[in-house]
N, C-alpha and C. Protein backbone atom coordinates (compact mmCIF):
# COMPACT_ATOMS: atom_id res chain seq x y z
N UNK A 1 0.84 -1.19 0.01
CA UNK A 1 -0.02 0.01 0.08
C UNK A 1 0.81 1.29 -0.01
N UNK A 2 1.92 1.25 0.78
CA UNK A 2 2.89 2.47 0.73
C UNK A 2 3.38 2.56 -0.57
N UNK A 3 3.68 1.53 -1.48
CA UNK A 3 4.19 1.71 -2.86
C UNK A 3 3.21 2.48 -3.65
N UNK A 4 1.84 2.18 -3.39
CA UNK A 4 0.72 2.80 -4.15
C UNK A 4 0.79 4.21 -3.94
N UNK A 5 1.06 4.57 -2.69
CA UNK A 5 0.98 6.02 -2.26
C UNK A 5 2.12 6.61 -2.87
N UNK A 6 3.28 6.14 -2.90
CA UNK A 6 4.48 6.79 -3.49
C UNK A 6 4.38 6.95 -4.92
N UNK A 7 3.81 5.87 -5.57
CA UNK A 7 3.60 6.00 -7.02
C UNK A 7 2.58 6.97 -7.38
N UNK A 8 1.52 7.17 -6.59
CA UNK A 8 0.47 8.40 -6.69
C UNK A 8 1.19 9.60 -6.61
N UNK A 9 2.11 9.68 -5.59
CA UNK A 9 2.77 10.98 -5.33
C UNK A 9 3.59 11.27 -6.60
N UNK A 10 4.32 10.26 -7.12
CA UNK A 10 5.09 10.52 -8.35
C UNK A 10 4.30 10.99 -9.49
N UNK A 11 3.13 10.30 -9.59
CA UNK A 11 2.12 10.71 -10.63
C UNK A 11 1.57 12.28 -10.56
N UNK A 12 1.48 12.62 -9.22
CA UNK A 12 1.05 13.90 -9.04
C UNK A 12 2.03 14.92 -9.24
N UNK A 13 3.37 14.52 -8.95
CA UNK A 13 4.50 15.43 -9.17
C UNK A 13 4.66 15.62 -10.76
N UNK A 14 4.52 14.53 -11.38
CA UNK A 14 4.59 14.67 -12.93
C UNK A 14 3.47 15.67 -13.50
N UNK A 15 2.34 15.32 -12.94
CA UNK A 15 1.17 16.33 -13.33
C UNK A 15 1.59 17.81 -13.02
N UNK A 16 2.06 17.94 -11.97
CA UNK A 16 2.56 19.34 -11.37
C UNK A 16 3.62 19.89 -12.36
N UNK A 17 4.52 19.01 -12.64
CA UNK A 17 5.66 19.47 -13.56
C UNK A 17 5.19 19.86 -14.98
N UNK A 18 4.16 19.03 -15.44
CA UNK A 18 3.58 19.24 -16.87
C UNK A 18 2.78 20.49 -16.80
N UNK A 19 2.20 21.02 -15.75
CA UNK A 19 1.35 22.09 -15.74
C UNK A 19 2.11 23.44 -15.76
N UNK A 20 3.48 23.37 -15.50
CA UNK A 20 4.23 24.65 -15.54
C UNK A 20 4.79 24.77 -16.96
N UNK A 21 4.41 25.93 -17.70
CA UNK A 21 4.79 26.09 -18.91
C UNK A 21 6.40 26.23 -19.14
N UNK A 22 6.87 25.87 -20.17
CA UNK A 22 8.32 25.92 -20.46
C UNK A 22 8.91 27.38 -20.43
N UNK A 23 8.07 28.26 -20.67
CA UNK A 23 8.54 29.75 -20.82
C UNK A 23 8.20 30.48 -19.43
N UNK A 24 7.80 29.72 -18.47
CA UNK A 24 7.69 30.47 -17.11
C UNK A 24 8.81 30.80 -16.37
N UNK A 25 8.93 31.95 -15.88
CA UNK A 25 10.11 32.23 -14.94
C UNK A 25 9.99 31.58 -13.65
N UNK A 26 11.03 31.77 -12.89
CA UNK A 26 11.07 31.07 -11.57
C UNK A 26 9.85 31.52 -10.67
N UNK A 27 9.51 32.71 -10.70
CA UNK A 27 8.50 33.25 -9.86
C UNK A 27 7.06 32.70 -10.27
N UNK A 28 6.80 32.72 -11.61
CA UNK A 28 5.59 32.07 -12.08
C UNK A 28 5.48 30.56 -11.74
N UNK A 29 6.69 29.93 -12.01
CA UNK A 29 6.72 28.54 -11.72
C UNK A 29 6.45 28.22 -10.27
N UNK A 30 7.00 29.12 -9.41
CA UNK A 30 6.76 28.87 -7.92
C UNK A 30 5.27 29.17 -7.52
N UNK A 31 4.63 30.16 -8.34
CA UNK A 31 3.23 30.57 -7.97
C UNK A 31 2.36 29.29 -8.42
N UNK A 32 2.60 28.65 -9.58
CA UNK A 32 1.95 27.64 -10.09
C UNK A 32 2.06 26.55 -9.15
N UNK A 33 3.21 26.06 -8.89
CA UNK A 33 3.52 25.01 -7.95
C UNK A 33 2.78 25.22 -6.65
N UNK A 34 2.84 26.46 -6.08
CA UNK A 34 2.12 26.60 -4.76
C UNK A 34 0.58 26.43 -4.91
N UNK A 35 0.06 26.99 -5.96
CA UNK A 35 -1.38 26.96 -6.30
C UNK A 35 -1.83 25.36 -6.41
N UNK A 36 -1.07 24.68 -7.16
CA UNK A 36 -1.45 23.29 -7.33
C UNK A 36 -1.17 22.43 -6.18
N UNK A 37 -0.07 22.74 -5.48
CA UNK A 37 0.18 22.05 -4.22
C UNK A 37 -1.00 22.30 -3.06
N UNK A 38 -1.50 23.42 -3.14
CA UNK A 38 -2.50 23.79 -2.21
C UNK A 38 -3.84 23.13 -2.69
N UNK A 39 -4.12 23.07 -3.88
CA UNK A 39 -5.26 22.29 -4.44
C UNK A 39 -5.07 20.83 -4.11
N UNK A 40 -3.92 20.24 -4.37
CA UNK A 40 -3.75 18.80 -4.02
C UNK A 40 -4.04 18.39 -2.51
N UNK A 41 -3.50 19.35 -1.75
CA UNK A 41 -3.64 19.23 -0.23
C UNK A 41 -5.06 19.28 0.15
N UNK A 42 -5.84 20.34 -0.39
CA UNK A 42 -7.36 20.50 -0.07
C UNK A 42 -8.06 19.23 -0.73
N UNK A 43 -7.70 18.67 -1.89
CA UNK A 43 -8.28 17.62 -2.40
C UNK A 43 -8.04 16.27 -1.47
N UNK A 44 -6.87 16.10 -1.02
CA UNK A 44 -6.60 15.01 -0.07
C UNK A 44 -7.29 15.23 1.22
N UNK A 45 -7.27 16.37 1.86
CA UNK A 45 -8.02 16.53 3.00
C UNK A 45 -9.53 16.43 2.84
N UNK A 46 -10.17 16.68 1.77
CA UNK A 46 -11.48 16.48 1.57
C UNK A 46 -11.83 14.92 1.37
N UNK A 47 -10.92 14.26 0.65
CA UNK A 47 -11.01 12.88 0.55
C UNK A 47 -10.85 12.16 1.90
N UNK A 48 -10.07 12.57 2.69
CA UNK A 48 -9.89 12.06 4.09
C UNK A 48 -11.13 12.19 4.92
N UNK A 49 -11.63 13.48 4.86
CA UNK A 49 -12.79 13.80 5.63
C UNK A 49 -14.07 12.92 5.07
N UNK A 50 -14.23 12.84 3.78
CA UNK A 50 -15.24 12.11 3.28
C UNK A 50 -15.27 10.64 3.73
N UNK A 51 -14.08 10.07 3.87
CA UNK A 51 -13.83 8.71 4.25
C UNK A 51 -14.33 8.46 5.68
N UNK A 52 -14.20 9.52 6.48
CA UNK A 52 -14.45 9.24 7.93
C UNK A 52 -15.86 9.77 8.34
N UNK A 53 -16.49 10.61 7.29
CA UNK A 53 -17.88 11.18 7.63
C UNK A 53 -18.76 10.11 7.80
N UNK A 54 -19.75 10.24 8.68
CA UNK A 54 -20.83 9.35 8.80
C UNK A 54 -22.03 9.90 8.19
N UNK A 55 -23.15 9.16 8.18
CA UNK A 55 -24.45 9.73 7.55
C UNK A 55 -24.87 10.95 8.58
N UNK A 56 -25.15 12.08 7.90
CA UNK A 56 -25.58 13.11 8.76
C UNK A 56 -26.88 12.74 9.47
N UNK A 57 -27.04 13.29 10.68
CA UNK A 57 -28.27 12.97 11.54
C UNK A 57 -28.66 14.37 12.22
N UNK A 58 -29.91 14.23 12.73
CA UNK A 58 -30.50 15.36 13.53
C UNK A 58 -29.94 15.33 15.06
N UNK A 59 -29.07 14.40 15.36
CA UNK A 59 -28.78 14.25 16.69
C UNK A 59 -28.34 15.60 17.38
N UNK A 60 -29.01 16.06 18.22
CA UNK A 60 -28.75 17.29 19.01
C UNK A 60 -29.12 18.66 18.13
N UNK A 61 -29.65 18.44 17.04
CA UNK A 61 -29.99 19.55 16.28
C UNK A 61 -31.59 19.74 16.11
N UNK A 62 -32.27 18.70 16.28
CA UNK A 62 -33.70 18.71 16.11
C UNK A 62 -34.44 19.84 16.96
N UNK A 63 -33.98 19.85 18.16
CA UNK A 63 -34.50 20.81 19.27
C UNK A 63 -34.21 22.37 18.67
N UNK A 64 -33.01 22.45 18.27
CA UNK A 64 -32.59 23.79 17.89
C UNK A 64 -33.31 24.22 16.62
N UNK A 65 -33.61 23.29 15.72
CA UNK A 65 -34.28 23.65 14.58
C UNK A 65 -35.81 23.87 14.75
N UNK A 66 -36.44 23.04 15.78
CA UNK A 66 -37.83 23.35 16.10
C UNK A 66 -37.97 24.63 16.79
N UNK A 67 -36.92 25.13 17.69
CA UNK A 67 -36.99 26.29 18.29
C UNK A 67 -36.88 27.49 17.29
N UNK A 68 -36.07 27.21 16.24
CA UNK A 68 -35.96 28.32 15.42
C UNK A 68 -37.24 28.61 14.49
N UNK A 69 -37.95 27.39 14.29
CA UNK A 69 -39.17 27.44 13.51
C UNK A 69 -40.20 28.07 14.46
N UNK A 70 -40.19 27.78 15.77
CA UNK A 70 -41.02 28.36 16.58
C UNK A 70 -40.94 29.88 16.76
N UNK A 71 -39.70 30.36 16.80
CA UNK A 71 -39.40 31.84 16.81
C UNK A 71 -39.80 32.47 15.52
N UNK A 72 -39.42 31.90 14.34
CA UNK A 72 -39.73 32.61 13.16
C UNK A 72 -41.18 32.50 12.62
N UNK A 73 -41.74 31.36 12.80
CA UNK A 73 -43.08 31.22 12.27
C UNK A 73 -44.18 31.18 13.41
N UNK A 74 -43.75 31.43 14.56
CA UNK A 74 -44.79 31.42 15.80
C UNK A 74 -45.63 30.22 15.79
N UNK A 75 -45.12 28.99 15.62
CA UNK A 75 -45.84 27.81 15.76
C UNK A 75 -44.87 26.72 16.12
N UNK A 76 -45.36 25.73 16.90
CA UNK A 76 -44.54 24.56 17.49
C UNK A 76 -44.62 23.36 16.43
N UNK A 77 -43.52 22.78 16.14
CA UNK A 77 -43.45 21.64 15.17
C UNK A 77 -42.50 20.67 15.83
N UNK A 78 -42.75 19.41 15.40
CA UNK A 78 -41.96 18.32 15.68
C UNK A 78 -41.07 17.91 14.46
N UNK A 79 -39.85 17.90 14.68
CA UNK A 79 -38.96 17.69 13.64
C UNK A 79 -38.68 16.08 13.67
N UNK A 80 -39.19 15.34 12.50
CA UNK A 80 -39.07 13.98 12.53
C UNK A 80 -37.62 13.54 12.30
N UNK A 81 -37.24 12.28 12.68
CA UNK A 81 -35.88 11.87 12.51
C UNK A 81 -35.54 11.63 11.03
N UNK A 82 -36.50 11.50 10.01
CA UNK A 82 -36.22 11.36 8.63
C UNK A 82 -36.24 12.63 7.93
N UNK A 83 -36.45 13.88 8.60
CA UNK A 83 -36.33 15.13 8.06
C UNK A 83 -35.08 15.25 7.38
N UNK A 84 -35.07 16.10 6.27
CA UNK A 84 -33.72 16.25 5.50
C UNK A 84 -32.77 16.98 6.54
N UNK A 85 -31.47 16.38 6.67
CA UNK A 85 -30.44 17.08 7.44
C UNK A 85 -29.84 18.32 6.86
N UNK A 86 -29.97 18.53 5.63
CA UNK A 86 -29.44 19.71 4.92
C UNK A 86 -30.31 20.99 5.48
N UNK A 87 -29.62 21.99 5.95
CA UNK A 87 -30.48 23.03 6.41
C UNK A 87 -31.21 23.76 5.48
N UNK A 88 -30.89 23.85 4.29
CA UNK A 88 -31.80 24.63 3.22
C UNK A 88 -32.92 23.67 2.84
N UNK A 89 -32.82 22.52 2.86
CA UNK A 89 -33.77 21.55 2.39
C UNK A 89 -34.93 21.48 3.50
N UNK A 90 -34.28 21.39 4.78
CA UNK A 90 -35.18 21.37 5.91
C UNK A 90 -36.00 22.60 6.05
N UNK A 91 -35.40 23.80 5.79
CA UNK A 91 -36.09 25.04 5.99
C UNK A 91 -37.16 25.21 4.84
N UNK A 92 -37.02 24.60 3.72
CA UNK A 92 -37.85 24.54 2.70
C UNK A 92 -39.18 23.84 2.94
N UNK A 93 -39.05 22.84 3.86
CA UNK A 93 -40.17 21.95 4.27
C UNK A 93 -40.72 22.19 5.57
N UNK A 94 -40.45 23.35 6.18
CA UNK A 94 -41.20 23.57 7.50
C UNK A 94 -42.59 23.51 7.49
N UNK A 95 -43.26 23.87 6.37
CA UNK A 95 -44.70 23.91 6.30
C UNK A 95 -45.28 22.40 6.36
N UNK A 96 -44.42 21.48 6.19
CA UNK A 96 -44.84 19.99 6.29
C UNK A 96 -44.67 19.49 7.62
N UNK A 97 -43.91 20.09 8.53
CA UNK A 97 -43.59 19.54 9.88
C UNK A 97 -44.68 19.74 10.80
């Protein structure tokens, strides 16, 4: 597995080297390398986070959302466990709670 990671790293370095134009000066090359390196780091961090993420749930947030609906719409609601966990989707369905 470690060899796969090092091979992947070499592939990424080859991609990075190919992205730098031949006529770029050292400052341009450094800027391109920094931008691509930051992108690759962000991509790796997002992949690692996605691998550890669990299914989103309403654990601890149902009461907060119900309180917000109560304050804004002046009515009490029960937020079901199967309600959408995405805040925008849930807000769009408050008339069905």
